[in-house]
C-alpha atoms as a PDB file:
ATOM      1  CA  MET A   1      10.547   9.812   1.931  1.00  0.00           C
ATOM      2  CA  HIS A   2      13.326  10.676  -0.519  1.00  0.00           C
ATOM      3  CA  GLU A   3      11.985   8.109  -2.980  1.00  0.00           C
ATOM      4  CA  MET A   4       9.517  10.771  -4.189  1.00  0.00           C
ATOM      5  CA  GLY A   5      12.409  13.047  -5.164  1.00  0.00           C
ATOM      6  CA  ILE A   6      14.241  10.179  -6.852  1.00  0.00           C
ATOM      7  CA  ALA A   7      11.108   9.189  -8.774  1.00  0.00           C
ATOM      8  CA  THR A   8      10.678  12.803  -9.905  1.00  0.00           C
ATOM      9  CA  GLU A   9      14.268  12.894 -11.202  1.00  0.00           C
ATOM     10  CA  VAL A  10      13.899   9.532 -12.981  1.00  0.00           C
ATOM     11  CA  ILE A  11      10.772  10.782 -14.752  1.00  0.00           C
ATOM     12  CA  GLU A  12      12.400  14.075 -15.747  1.00  0.00           C
ATOM     13  CA  ILE A  13      15.457  12.278 -17.132  1.00  0.00           C
ATOM     14  CA  ALA A  14      13.302   9.758 -19.014  1.00  0.00           C
ATOM     15  CA  GLU A  15      11.154  12.492 -20.560  1.00  0.00           C
ATOM     16  CA  ALA A  16      14.220  14.517 -21.552  1.00  0.00           C
ATOM     17  CA  SER A  17      15.732  11.406 -23.165  1.00  0.00           C
ATOM     18  CA  ILE A  18      12.948  11.023 -25.701  1.00  0.00           C
ATOM     19  CA  PRO A  19      14.180  12.455 -29.017  1.00  0.00           C
ATOM     20  CA  GLU A  20      12.354  15.617 -30.117  1.00  0.00           C
ATOM     21  CA  GLU A  21      11.228  14.034 -33.402  1.00  0.00           C
ATOM     22  CA  MET A  22       9.489  11.262 -31.421  1.00  0.00           C
ATOM     23  CA  HIS A  23       6.919  13.601 -29.863  1.00  0.00           C
ATOM     24  CA  ASP A  24       4.244  10.852 -29.844  1.00  0.00           C
ATOM     25  CA  ALA A  25       6.559   8.190 -28.399  1.00  0.00           C
ATOM     26  CA  LYS A  26       5.208   6.013 -25.621  1.00  0.00           C
ATOM     27  CA  VAL A  27       7.638   4.930 -22.907  1.00  0.00           C
ATOM     28  CA  GLU A  28       6.969   1.325 -21.962  1.00  0.00           C
ATOM     29  CA  CYS A  29       9.606   0.762 -19.303  1.00  0.00           C
ATOM     30  CA  VAL A  30      12.327   2.558 -17.383  1.00  0.00           C
ATOM     31  CA  ASN A  31      15.103   0.250 -16.164  1.00  0.00           C
ATOM     32  CA  ILE A  32      17.161   1.383 -13.204  1.00  0.00           C
ATOM     33  CA  ASN A  33      19.952  -0.056 -11.084  1.00  0.00           C
ATOM     34  CA  ILE A  34      19.848   0.502  -7.336  1.00  0.00           C
ATOM     35  CA  GLY A  35      22.684  -0.580  -5.068  1.00  0.00           C
ATOM     36  CA  ARG A  36      21.769  -2.084  -1.735  1.00  0.00           C
ATOM     37  CA  LEU A  37      23.750   0.687  -0.004  1.00  0.00           C
ATOM     38  CA  ALA A  38      21.847   3.447  -1.830  1.00  0.00           C
ATOM     39  CA  ALA A  39      19.244   3.615   0.974  1.00  0.00           C
ATOM     40  CA  VAL A  40      16.337   3.371  -1.460  1.00  0.00           C
ATOM     41  CA  VAL A  41      13.302   1.193  -0.779  1.00  0.00           C
ATOM     42  CA  PRO A  42      12.395  -0.273  -4.193  1.00  0.00           C
ATOM     43  CA  GLU A  43       8.682  -0.674  -3.449  1.00  0.00           C
ATOM     44  CA  SER A  44       8.424   2.923  -2.209  1.00  0.00           C
ATOM     45  CA  LEU A  45      10.205   4.161  -5.323  1.00  0.00           C
ATOM     46  CA  ARG A  46       7.893   2.138  -7.557  1.00  0.00           C
ATOM     47  CA  PHE A  47       4.845   3.492  -5.684  1.00  0.00           C
ATOM     48  CA  CYS A  48       6.008   7.104  -6.101  1.00  0.00           C
ATOM     49  CA  PHE A  49       6.892   6.537  -9.770  1.00  0.00           C
ATOM     50  CA  ASN A  50       3.428   5.115 -10.518  1.00  0.00           C
ATOM     51  CA  ILE A  51       1.709   8.109  -8.917  1.00  0.00           C
ATOM     52  CA  LEU A  52       3.896  10.717 -10.622  1.00  0.00           C
ATOM     53  CA  ILE A  53       3.702   9.336 -14.172  1.00  0.00           C
ATOM     54  CA  GLU A  54      -0.027   9.962 -14.461  1.00  0.00           C
ATOM     55  CA  ASN A  55      -0.657  12.671 -17.080  1.00  0.00           C
ATOM     56  CA  THR A  56       2.934  12.532 -18.366  1.00  0.00           C
ATOM     57  CA  ARG A  57       4.506  10.967 -21.444  1.00  0.00           C
ATOM     58  CA  LEU A  58       5.389   8.028 -19.212  1.00  0.00           C
ATOM     59  CA  ALA A  59       1.781   7.233 -18.233  1.00  0.00           C
ATOM     60  CA  GLY A  60       1.425   3.462 -18.051  1.00  0.00           C
ATOM     61  CA  ALA A  61       5.174   2.804 -18.095  1.00  0.00           C
ATOM     62  CA  LYS A  62       6.696   0.176 -15.834  1.00  0.00           C
ATOM     63  CA  LEU A  63       9.635   0.796 -13.546  1.00  0.00           C
ATOM     64  CA  HIS A  64      12.000  -2.176 -13.572  1.00  0.00           C
ATOM     65  CA  ILE A  65      14.407  -2.114 -10.646  1.00  0.00           C
ATOM     66  CA  ARG A  66      17.554  -4.221 -10.622  1.00  0.00           C
ATOM     67  CA  GLU A  67      19.059  -4.414  -7.152  1.00  0.00           C
ATOM     68  CA  ILE A  68      22.853  -4.430  -7.147  1.00  0.00           C
ATOM     69  CA  PRO A  69      24.513  -6.385  -4.333  1.00  0.00           C
ATOM     70  CA  VAL A  70      27.279  -4.978  -2.168  1.00  0.00           C
ATOM     71  CA  LYS A  71      30.544  -6.375  -3.480  1.00  0.00           C
ATOM     72  CA  ALA A  72      33.747  -5.880  -1.493  1.00  0.00           C
ATOM     73  CA  TYR A  73      37.462  -6.304  -2.105  1.00  0.00           C
ATOM     74  CA  CYS A  74      40.005  -6.909   0.655  1.00  0.00           C
ATOM     75  CA  LYS A  75      43.117  -4.793   0.214  1.00  0.00           C
ATOM     76  CA  ASP A  76      45.125  -7.183   2.388  1.00  0.00           C
ATOM     77  CA  CYS A  77      44.397 -10.658   0.973  1.00  0.00           C
ATOM     78  CA  LYS A  78      42.848  -9.609  -2.407  1.00  0.00           C
ATOM     79  CA  HIS A  79      39.636 -11.569  -1.743  1.00  0.00           C
ATOM     80  CA  GLU A  80      36.340 -10.428  -3.397  1.00  0.00           C
ATOM     81  CA  TRP A  81      32.911 -11.342  -2.068  1.00  0.00           C
ATOM     82  CA  ILE A  82      29.289 -10.264  -1.797  1.00  0.00           C
ATOM     83  CA  ILE A  83      28.393  -8.699   1.544  1.00  0.00           C
ATOM     84  CA  ASP A  84      24.978  -9.924   2.651  1.00  0.00           C
ATOM     85  CA  ALA A  85      25.141  -8.990   6.338  1.00  0.00           C
ATOM     86  CA  PRO A  86      26.020  -5.731   8.101  1.00  0.00           C
ATOM     87  CA  VAL A  87      29.589  -6.939   8.743  1.00  0.00           C
ATOM     88  CA  PHE A  88      32.285  -5.095   6.829  1.00  0.00           C
ATOM     89  CA  THR A  89      35.323  -7.268   7.479  1.00  0.00           C
ATOM     90  CA  CYS A  90      36.970  -9.711   5.092  1.00  0.00           C
ATOM     91  CA  THR A  91      35.441 -13.176   5.129  1.00  0.00           C
ATOM     92  CA  GLN A  92      38.898 -14.695   4.515  1.00  0.00           C
ATOM     93  CA  CYS A  93      41.319 -12.782   6.752  1.00  0.00           C
ATOM     94  CA  ASP A  94      39.063 -10.622   8.982  1.00  0.00           C
ATOM     95  CA  SER A  95      40.724  -7.420   7.760  1.00  0.00           C
ATOM     96  CA  GLY A  96      38.789  -4.163   7.773  1.00  0.00           C
ATOM     97  CA  ALA A  97      40.834  -2.752   4.869  1.00  0.00           C
ATOM     98  CA  LEU A  98      38.110  -2.978   2.233  1.00  0.00           C
ATOM     99  CA  ASP A  99      37.094  -1.307  -0.974  1.00  0.00           C
ATOM    100  CA  ILE A 100      33.398  -1.367  -1.840  1.00  0.00           C
ATOM    101  CA  LEU A 101      33.204  -2.314  -5.531  1.00  0.00           C
ATOM    102  CA  SER A 102      29.441  -2.128  -6.001  1.00  0.00           C
ATOM    103  CA  GLY A 103      26.274  -1.462  -4.086  1.00  0.00           C
ATOM    104  CA  ARG A 104      26.053   2.339  -4.177  1.00  0.00           C
ATOM    105  CA  GLU A 105      24.569   2.617  -7.682  1.00  0.00           C
ATOM    106  CA  LEU A 106      21.493   4.654  -8.479  1.00  0.00           C
ATOM    107  CA  ASP A 107      21.241   5.073 -12.235  1.00  0.00           C
ATOM    108  CA  ILE A 108      18.963   4.623 -15.211  1.00  0.00           C
ATOM    109  CA  SER A 109      20.288   1.792 -17.348  1.00  0.00           C
ATOM    110  CA  SER A 110      17.789   2.107 -20.213  1.00  0.00           C
ATOM    111  CA  ILE A 111      14.458   3.492 -21.343  1.00  0.00           C
ATOM    112  CA  GLU A 112      12.260   1.349 -23.554  1.00  0.00           C
ATOM    113  CA  ILE A 113      10.065   3.151 -26.089  1.00  0.00           C
ATOM    114  CA  ALA A 114       7.244   1.461 -27.997  1.00  0.00           C
ATOM    115  CA  ASP A 115       7.648   1.061 -31.758  1.00  0.00           C
END
């Protein structure tokens, strides 16, 4: 389960992002973007995150996951669309000459700290 490793990295990045002068800061939420092609199971990641944050500066924090759809662009007919099935051909012209515009993301978008 690589979600455990991802959760570990998210926690380390979040802890390192807290300014030194805010040593008593409480993280309320970590917001991340996960593309549908990133091969991450959101519920597994959330489970791992919740286990690993115990006894850290993130204890009690929520993990908010925003799933990013797979968006494609056809190089032949210039059509853009959201791919929602495992078919990677253009929905307009049936071409296989595609660029994937989104759906591979795996990044922290923000960290919310209590006032």
